[in-house]
Amino acid sequence: VRRAEGLLEANRSTAALALLRPLLEHLPAAGPDEPLACRARAAAGRAHRRERRHAQVLSSLRPVVAACADARIVSRALYVLAGSAAAAGTEEAVDLYLRLAREFPAHPLADDALFWAAEILSR
């Protein structure tokens, strides 16, 4: 998982997904007692986002934001999930952005989340 996260930081999402796919088959579902599963599924969601595969982002990150305990993972996953929800045209994008701003007000992306929620609502 650490190697895949490093590949994502180097903008090599295809290579990261290649590492994560077989791993995800054997990991349990994301949950508060499964930090490795949360990290792996969050990384897969970020990789899919870079590949503009919004349906896969939604399916990868919804369980992460619903069940994981690590605030760093959840906050970033919320932002990525909201962006893909907006790109896919789903109604939940505003709620996800607002959740990020409400639950993590000190996060560096909280202001961005409020901006994008307002932008979506203004359309």
Protein backbone atom coordinates (compact mmCIF):
# COMPACT_ATOMS: atom_id res chain seq x y z
CA VAL A 1 0.00 0.00 0.00
CA ARG A 2 2.86 2.37 0.82
CA ARG A 3 4.39 1.73 -2.61
CA ALA A 4 1.06 2.45 -4.33
CA GLU A 5 0.68 5.67 -2.33
CA GLY A 6 4.16 6.70 -3.45
CA LEU A 7 3.25 6.00 -7.05
CA LEU A 8 0.17 8.18 -6.68
CA GLU A 9 2.32 11.02 -5.35
CA ALA A 10 4.48 10.60 -8.47
CA ASN A 11 1.35 10.80 -10.69
CA ARG A 12 1.59 7.15 -11.71
CA SER A 13 -2.00 6.15 -11.07
CA THR A 14 -2.05 3.23 -13.53
CA ALA A 15 0.93 1.61 -11.81
CA ALA A 16 -0.63 2.26 -8.40
CA LEU A 17 -3.86 0.57 -9.47
CA ALA A 18 -1.91 -2.40 -10.79
CA LEU A 19 -0.42 -2.86 -7.31
CA LEU A 20 -3.68 -2.27 -5.48
CA ARG A 21 -6.08 -4.47 -7.47
CA PRO A 22 -4.82 -7.87 -6.28
CA LEU A 23 -4.40 -6.54 -2.75
CA LEU A 24 -7.97 -5.25 -2.58
CA GLU A 25 -9.33 -8.69 -3.41
CA HIS A 26 -7.88 -10.10 -0.20
CA LEU A 27 -8.41 -7.22 2.21
CA PRO A 28 -11.51 -6.98 4.38
CA ALA A 29 -14.02 -4.19 3.96
CA ALA A 30 -13.07 -0.72 5.12
CA GLY A 31 -13.82 -0.21 8.78
CA PRO A 32 -12.62 1.43 11.97
CA ASP A 33 -10.56 -1.64 12.89
CA GLU A 34 -9.11 -2.06 9.39
CA PRO A 35 -6.63 0.79 8.81
CA LEU A 36 -4.79 -1.04 6.02
CA ALA A 37 -8.04 -1.69 4.15
CA CYS A 38 -8.96 1.98 4.57
CA ARG A 39 -5.60 3.16 3.22
CA ALA A 40 -5.71 0.75 0.27
CA ARG A 41 -9.27 1.63 -0.71
CA ALA A 42 -8.58 5.36 -0.32
CA ALA A 43 -5.52 5.06 -2.54
CA ALA A 44 -7.53 3.13 -5.13
CA GLY A 45 -10.19 5.84 -5.09
CA ARG A 46 -7.58 8.56 -5.62
CA ALA A 47 -6.04 6.58 -8.49
CA HIS A 48 -9.42 6.12 -10.16
CA ARG A 49 -10.06 9.86 -9.78
CA ARG A 50 -6.85 10.63 -11.64
CA GLU A 51 -7.96 8.26 -14.36
CA ARG A 52 -11.36 10.04 -14.43
CA ARG A 53 -13.24 6.84 -13.58
CA HIS A 54 -15.86 8.49 -11.42
CA ALA A 55 -18.08 5.44 -10.92
CA GLN A 56 -15.12 3.51 -9.50
CA VAL A 57 -14.20 6.47 -7.29
CA LEU A 58 -17.70 6.50 -5.84
CA SER A 59 -17.69 2.76 -5.16
CA SER A 60 -14.17 2.84 -3.69
CA LEU A 61 -14.52 5.85 -1.43
CA ARG A 62 -18.08 5.65 -0.10
CA PRO A 63 -17.16 2.81 2.30
CA VAL A 64 -14.02 4.70 3.35
CA VAL A 65 -15.87 7.86 4.35
CA ALA A 66 -18.64 5.83 5.98
CA ALA A 67 -16.57 3.47 8.11
CA CYS A 68 -12.92 4.45 8.51
CA ALA A 69 -11.59 6.03 11.69
CA ASP A 70 -8.44 7.85 10.50
CA ALA A 71 -9.36 11.51 10.07
CA ARG A 72 -6.53 12.09 7.57
CA ILE A 73 -7.84 9.38 5.29
CA VAL A 74 -11.50 10.31 5.69
CA SER A 75 -11.00 14.04 5.09
CA ARG A 76 -9.02 13.54 1.90
CA ALA A 77 -11.41 10.82 0.73
CA LEU A 78 -14.37 13.15 1.29
CA TYR A 79 -12.83 15.80 -0.95
CA VAL A 80 -11.97 13.34 -3.73
CA LEU A 81 -15.37 11.65 -3.45
CA ALA A 82 -17.18 14.99 -3.60
CA GLY A 83 -15.23 16.00 -6.70
CA SER A 84 -16.12 12.80 -8.48
CA ALA A 85 -19.73 13.03 -7.36
CA ALA A 86 -19.85 16.52 -8.86
CA ALA A 87 -18.24 15.33 -12.09
CA ALA A 88 -20.69 12.42 -12.27
CA GLY A 89 -23.58 14.81 -11.72
CA THR A 90 -24.87 13.24 -8.53
CA GLU A 91 -26.77 15.20 -5.90
CA GLU A 92 -24.51 14.11 -3.05
CA ALA A 93 -21.57 16.33 -4.03
CA VAL A 94 -22.77 19.35 -2.05
CA ASP A 95 -23.49 17.23 1.02
CA LEU A 96 -20.03 15.69 0.86
CA TYR A 97 -18.31 19.06 0.53
CA LEU A 98 -20.34 20.44 3.43
CA ARG A 99 -19.57 17.37 5.53
CA LEU A 100 -15.86 17.93 4.97
CA ALA A 101 -16.12 21.58 6.05
CA ARG A 102 -18.29 20.71 9.06
CA GLU A 103 -16.34 17.70 10.37
CA PHE A 104 -12.85 18.97 9.54
CA PRO A 105 -13.02 22.80 9.73
CA ALA A 106 -9.26 23.17 10.23
CA HIS A 107 -8.39 20.98 7.23
CA PRO A 108 -6.61 22.84 4.41
CA LEU A 109 -9.32 21.73 1.95
CA ALA A 110 -12.27 22.90 4.09
CA ASP A 111 -12.35 26.33 2.44
CA ASP A 112 -12.10 24.75 -1.01
CA ALA A 113 -14.96 22.43 -0.11
CA LEU A 114 -17.17 25.38 0.83
CA PHE A 115 -16.24 27.13 -2.41
CA TRP A 116 -17.13 24.11 -4.55
CA ALA A 117 -20.38 23.52 -2.65
CA ALA A 118 -21.36 27.14 -3.30
CA GLU A 119 -20.31 26.85 -6.94
CA ILE A 120 -22.50 23.77 -7.45
CA LEU A 121 -25.45 25.38 -5.68
CA SER A 122 -25.12 28.54 -7.78
CA ARG A 123 -25.47 26.51 -10.97
